[in-house]
Amino acid sequence: MKLILFVLQKFLKLSLIFFIFFIWLRFFTKSLWLSIFISTIATTIIEIITFIFSNKTKFKASLKIKEKENAENMFLSLSTNPSSLDFFLNLVLTRHPNSIKKKGCIQINHRDQTKVILQPFLQLKKLTLNDVLTLTSLVNKESPDKLVITCFEYEKEVIPFVRNFGYEIIILDRFETYSHLYKEYDFYPEMTMKYKKDGKLGFKDLIAFSFNKSRTKGYIFASLLLFATSFFVRLNIYYCIVSSLLLIFALISYINPKYNIKIKDEII
C-alpha cells in the first residue's frame, strides 16, 4: 500500500509539472506531439533537480491554523495543571503498558529492553542549554536509550548540543508535541485555559491556509477546466497565465512541507 501511495503521489506531482509546461507550449507551438515531447523532457529535468535538492534540504513541520491554536492552549493548560505528569503517563500507557511515573518524568520500558524517558518541561520559556544539562542530570542514573523532552520552545543551539550525549535526545516544542504525541496517539489534554484570540489572520496564516494540501484538488480542477479548452480553442495569453498559476498553486500545496505536516517515526 505504501508503494502504491508513493507511486500515485509521484504521478500527481509529475502531472502538475507536465501540464504547466504543456499549456505554454500549446500556446506557442502548433504541434501537439512536439508540445508533449518537450513537456516530458522538461518535467524529467525538473524532477531530477528537485530530487537532488530535496535530499539536501530539511524542512520544519507546520500545523494548520486551528491545530496551532490548540497546541498553544494545550501547553498553557498543562503548564498550570499540577497533575500534568499523569496526563503524559496515561498517553504513554495507551501503547506502552510497561511504563511508570517517576519524579518529573515517565519511564517507558520496551519489550526489546530499550528504555525511553519522557520528560515534560512545562515552563513558558525557551529551553536553554543549561536546562538541558539540568534535565539530563536527573535521568542519567536511569541509563536511558532515548530521552524525549517536551517544551514550549527551544533555543536553536539546543539541537546540535544534545548530540554530544551518549544516548539519543529528542526535543519537541509545543507544536511538535501536538503533532508527534497528542495527534499520533489520538490522546489530547483538556484545554482548561485559552489564549485570547486576536481575531485577525496574519499574512503568514493566510498563506498557510491558501497552500494547505486540502486546497490542491480545487486548484487542479479549476486549471484543468481551462486546460481542456486547449484541445478545441487556441488559448490566449490570459488563460495560459491563469491556468499556469493554478497548477503552480496546486503543486506548492501538494509538495511543500512548510504548509503540511510530515509525521516522523514513532517518538516514544
Protein backbone atom coordinates (compact mmCIF):
# COMPACT_ATOMS: atom_id res chain seq x y z
CA MET A 1 0.00 0.00 0.00
CA LYS A 2 2.83 2.41 0.81
CA LEU A 3 4.41 1.72 -2.58
CA ILE A 4 1.12 2.29 -4.40
CA LEU A 5 0.53 5.53 -2.49
CA PHE A 6 4.07 6.70 -3.27
CA VAL A 7 3.59 5.99 -6.99
CA LEU A 8 0.25 7.83 -7.06
CA GLN A 9 1.72 10.85 -5.26
CA LYS A 10 4.70 10.92 -7.61
CA PHE A 11 2.40 10.63 -10.64
CA LEU A 12 0.26 13.55 -9.49
CA LYS A 13 3.30 15.73 -8.83
CA LEU A 14 4.84 14.98 -12.24
CA SER A 15 1.49 15.52 -13.96
CA LEU A 16 1.18 19.00 -12.48
CA ILE A 17 4.69 19.93 -13.66
CA PHE A 18 4.00 18.45 -17.10
CA PHE A 19 0.77 20.39 -17.61
CA ILE A 20 2.40 23.68 -16.62
CA PHE A 21 4.89 23.28 -19.49
CA PHE A 22 2.31 21.82 -21.86
CA ILE A 23 -0.10 24.75 -21.51
CA TRP A 24 2.54 27.27 -22.56
CA LEU A 25 3.95 25.11 -25.33
CA ARG A 26 0.47 24.68 -26.80
CA PHE A 27 0.20 28.44 -26.84
CA PHE A 28 3.48 28.95 -28.73
CA THR A 29 3.57 25.83 -30.94
CA LYS A 30 1.03 24.24 -33.26
CA SER A 31 2.31 20.68 -32.94
CA LEU A 32 0.61 18.64 -30.23
CA TRP A 33 3.30 15.92 -30.24
CA LEU A 34 6.13 18.43 -30.05
CA SER A 35 4.44 20.04 -27.03
CA ILE A 36 4.10 16.63 -25.36
CA PHE A 37 7.73 15.70 -26.11
CA ILE A 38 9.25 18.95 -24.81
CA SER A 39 6.97 18.94 -21.75
CA THR A 40 8.08 15.39 -20.92
CA ILE A 41 11.78 16.28 -21.20
CA ALA A 42 11.32 19.45 -19.11
CA THR A 43 9.36 17.55 -16.46
CA THR A 44 12.10 14.93 -16.21
CA ILE A 45 14.78 17.60 -15.78
CA ILE A 46 12.75 19.40 -13.10
CA GLU A 47 12.18 16.13 -11.23
CA ILE A 48 15.90 15.30 -11.24
CA ILE A 49 16.77 18.77 -9.94
CA THR A 50 14.14 18.71 -7.20
CA PHE A 51 15.22 15.20 -6.18
CA ILE A 52 18.81 16.34 -5.71
CA PHE A 53 17.85 19.44 -3.72
CA SER A 54 15.20 17.67 -1.63
CA ASN A 55 17.85 15.29 -0.29
CA LYS A 56 19.95 18.24 0.87
CA THR A 57 17.18 20.32 2.43
CA LYS A 58 15.28 19.76 5.65
CA PHE A 59 12.02 21.47 6.43
CA LYS A 60 10.25 22.04 9.73
CA ALA A 61 6.78 20.63 10.08
CA SER A 62 3.99 23.13 10.47
CA LEU A 63 0.40 22.79 11.61
CA LYS A 64 -2.93 24.03 10.44
CA ILE A 65 -4.07 27.30 11.99
CA LYS A 66 -6.61 25.62 14.27
CA GLU A 67 -4.12 22.96 15.35
CA LYS A 68 -1.54 25.63 16.18
CA GLU A 69 -4.11 27.37 18.32
CA ASN A 70 -4.95 24.11 20.09
CA ALA A 71 -1.28 23.33 20.64
CA GLU A 72 -0.80 26.71 22.31
CA ASN A 73 -3.84 26.28 24.55
CA MET A 74 -2.99 22.69 25.48
CA PHE A 75 0.52 23.60 26.55
CA LEU A 76 -0.81 26.51 28.59
CA SER A 77 -3.37 24.21 30.24
CA LEU A 78 -0.77 21.57 31.09
CA SER A 79 1.67 24.14 32.45
CA THR A 80 -0.92 25.22 35.02
CA ASN A 81 -2.09 21.69 35.87
CA PRO A 82 -0.41 20.09 38.91
CA SER A 83 -1.36 16.65 37.55
CA SER A 84 0.13 17.18 34.09
CA LEU A 85 2.54 14.26 34.51
CA ASP A 86 -0.43 11.93 34.97
CA PHE A 87 -1.72 13.02 31.56
CA PHE A 88 1.55 12.04 29.88
CA LEU A 89 1.55 8.72 31.75
CA ASN A 90 -1.96 7.93 30.51
CA LEU A 91 -0.97 8.93 26.97
CA VAL A 92 2.04 6.60 27.03
CA LEU A 93 0.05 3.72 28.54
CA THR A 94 -2.25 3.63 25.50
CA ARG A 95 0.59 1.89 23.60
CA HIS A 96 3.25 1.03 26.15
CA PRO A 97 1.81 -0.77 29.18
CA ASN A 98 5.22 -1.22 30.78
CA SER A 99 5.52 2.44 31.68
CA ILE A 100 5.84 4.01 35.10
CA LYS A 101 5.78 7.51 36.50
CA LYS A 102 8.88 8.74 38.24
CA LYS A 103 9.82 12.09 39.70
CA GLY A 104 9.34 14.61 36.90
CA CYS A 105 9.30 12.06 34.08
CA ILE A 106 7.79 8.92 32.55
CA GLN A 107 9.89 5.80 32.07
CA ILE A 108 8.89 3.57 29.15
CA ASN A 109 10.25 0.03 29.16
CA HIS A 110 10.01 -1.58 25.73
CA ARG A 111 9.88 -5.31 25.11
CA ASP A 112 13.26 -5.21 23.39
CA GLN A 113 14.76 -3.98 26.69
CA THR A 114 15.24 -0.41 25.45
CA LYS A 115 14.38 2.33 27.90
CA VAL A 116 12.86 5.69 26.91
CA ILE A 117 12.38 8.62 29.26
CA LEU A 118 9.69 11.20 28.52
CA GLN A 119 10.39 14.42 30.40
CA PRO A 120 7.88 17.30 30.09
CA PHE A 121 9.43 20.74 30.60
CA LEU A 122 6.26 22.77 31.13
CA GLN A 123 7.67 26.24 31.63
CA LEU A 124 6.55 29.14 29.43
CA LYS A 125 10.06 29.95 28.23
CA LYS A 126 12.66 28.74 25.79
CA LEU A 127 14.53 25.57 26.70
CA THR A 128 18.18 26.56 27.13
CA LEU A 129 21.45 24.63 27.17
CA ASN A 130 21.54 24.90 30.95
CA ASP A 131 18.01 23.49 31.15
CA VAL A 132 19.11 20.50 29.08
CA LEU A 133 22.05 19.90 31.41
CA THR A 134 19.74 20.05 34.42
CA LEU A 135 17.19 17.68 32.90
CA THR A 136 19.75 15.15 31.71
CA SER A 137 21.42 15.11 35.13
CA LEU A 138 18.10 13.98 36.61
CA VAL A 139 17.78 10.95 34.31
CA ASN A 140 21.39 9.89 33.72
CA LYS A 141 21.18 7.45 36.62
CA GLU A 142 18.39 5.61 34.76
CA SER A 143 20.76 5.00 31.80
CA PRO A 144 18.11 5.65 29.13
CA ASP A 145 18.47 4.71 25.48
CA LYS A 146 16.44 7.75 24.50
CA LEU A 147 15.32 10.93 26.22
CA VAL A 148 12.34 12.89 24.88
CA ILE A 149 11.91 16.43 26.25
CA THR A 150 8.74 18.39 25.53
CA CYS A 151 8.88 22.14 25.97
CA PHE A 152 7.26 25.44 24.98
CA GLU A 153 10.08 26.25 22.54
CA TYR A 154 13.84 25.81 22.46
CA GLU A 155 16.93 27.77 21.56
CA LYS A 156 18.37 26.76 18.19
CA GLU A 157 21.68 25.89 19.84
CA VAL A 158 19.98 23.08 21.77
CA ILE A 159 19.60 20.72 18.80
CA PRO A 160 23.33 20.39 17.94
CA PHE A 161 24.18 20.41 21.64
CA VAL A 162 22.15 17.29 22.53
CA ARG A 163 24.15 15.24 20.01
CA ASN A 164 27.04 15.28 22.46
CA PHE A 165 25.36 12.88 24.87
CA GLY A 166 25.81 9.13 24.90
CA TYR A 167 22.14 8.47 24.15
CA GLU A 168 19.56 9.89 21.76
CA ILE A 169 17.80 13.06 22.86
CA ILE A 170 14.74 14.40 21.05
CA ILE A 171 13.44 17.90 21.75
CA LEU A 172 9.81 18.71 20.91
CA ASP A 173 8.33 22.20 21.12
CA ARG A 174 4.62 22.73 21.78
CA PHE A 175 3.69 22.30 18.10
CA GLU A 176 5.84 19.21 17.58
CA THR A 177 4.46 17.73 20.80
CA TYR A 178 0.96 18.21 19.42
CA SER A 179 1.87 16.54 16.09
CA HIS A 180 4.05 13.67 17.26
CA LEU A 181 2.46 12.83 20.61
CA TYR A 182 -1.11 14.10 21.05
CA LYS A 183 -2.16 13.64 17.44
CA GLU A 184 -0.12 10.49 16.84
CA TYR A 185 -1.59 8.82 19.94
CA ASP A 186 -5.02 10.42 19.47
CA PHE A 187 -4.82 11.48 23.11
CA TYR A 188 -5.27 15.16 23.93
CA PRO A 189 -5.05 17.16 27.17
CA GLU A 190 -8.12 19.06 28.30
CA MET A 191 -7.94 22.75 27.43
CA THR A 192 -8.72 24.44 30.74
CA MET A 193 -7.11 27.72 29.67
CA LYS A 194 -7.03 29.53 26.34
CA TYR A 195 -5.06 32.40 24.89
CA LYS A 196 -7.16 35.36 23.89
CA LYS A 197 -7.70 35.49 20.14
CA ASP A 198 -6.55 38.48 18.14
CA GLY A 199 -9.49 37.96 15.80
CA LYS A 200 -7.45 38.73 12.69
CA LEU A 201 -5.49 36.38 10.45
CA GLY A 202 -1.95 37.42 9.70
CA PHE A 203 -0.41 37.26 6.26
CA LYS A 204 1.51 34.08 7.12
CA ASP A 205 -1.71 32.45 8.33
CA LEU A 206 -3.47 33.31 5.09
CA ILE A 207 -0.58 31.89 3.06
CA ALA A 208 -0.58 28.70 5.13
CA PHE A 209 -4.35 28.40 4.66
CA SER A 210 -4.13 29.00 0.90
CA PHE A 211 -1.35 26.49 0.32
CA ASN A 212 -2.57 23.75 2.62
CA LYS A 213 -2.72 20.33 0.97
CA SER A 214 -6.53 20.32 1.16
CA ARG A 215 -6.58 23.11 -1.46
CA THR A 216 -4.76 21.01 -4.09
CA LYS A 217 -7.86 19.46 -5.65
CA GLY A 218 -9.56 22.82 -6.11
CA TYR A 219 -6.58 24.33 -7.89
CA ILE A 220 -6.20 21.29 -10.16
CA PHE A 221 -9.89 21.19 -11.07
CA ALA A 222 -10.01 24.89 -11.96
CA SER A 223 -6.83 24.64 -14.04
CA LEU A 224 -7.96 21.53 -15.91
CA LEU A 225 -11.16 23.27 -16.96
CA LEU A 226 -9.06 25.90 -18.70
CA PHE A 227 -6.59 23.32 -19.97
CA ALA A 228 -9.33 21.17 -21.57
CA THR A 229 -10.27 24.02 -23.87
CA SER A 230 -6.78 23.95 -25.42
CA PHE A 231 -7.82 20.89 -27.44
CA PHE A 232 -10.64 22.82 -29.06
CA VAL A 233 -9.71 26.50 -28.98
CA ARG A 234 -6.24 28.04 -29.15
CA LEU A 235 -5.66 29.65 -25.76
CA ASN A 236 -4.76 33.32 -25.42
CA ILE A 237 -2.10 34.58 -23.06
CA TYR A 238 -4.58 35.35 -20.25
CA TYR A 239 -5.79 31.76 -19.93
CA CYS A 240 -2.24 30.42 -20.11
CA ILE A 241 -1.18 32.64 -17.20
CA VAL A 242 -4.21 31.79 -15.05
CA SER A 243 -4.01 28.06 -15.74
CA SER A 244 -0.28 28.01 -15.02
CA LEU A 245 -0.71 29.88 -11.75
CA LEU A 246 -3.42 27.48 -10.62
CA LEU A 247 -1.20 24.49 -11.35
CA ILE A 248 1.73 26.12 -9.55
CA PHE A 249 -0.50 26.75 -6.53
CA ALA A 250 -1.62 23.10 -6.65
CA LEU A 251 2.00 21.94 -6.81
CA ILE A 252 3.02 24.14 -3.87
CA SER A 253 0.04 22.96 -1.82
CA TYR A 254 0.76 19.32 -2.59
CA ILE A 255 4.52 19.01 -2.09
CA ASN A 256 5.62 21.89 0.14
CA PRO A 257 6.09 20.50 3.69
CA LYS A 258 6.23 24.03 5.11
CA TYR A 259 2.43 24.13 4.88
CA ASN A 260 1.73 20.45 5.56
CA ILE A 261 2.51 18.13 8.42
CA LYS A 262 5.12 15.43 7.97
CA ILE A 263 4.87 12.73 10.60
CA LYS A 264 8.15 11.42 11.99
CA ASP A 265 8.85 7.86 13.09
CA GLU A 266 7.44 6.90 16.46
CA ILE A 267 8.93 9.21 19.08
CA ILE A 268 8.45 7.13 22.21
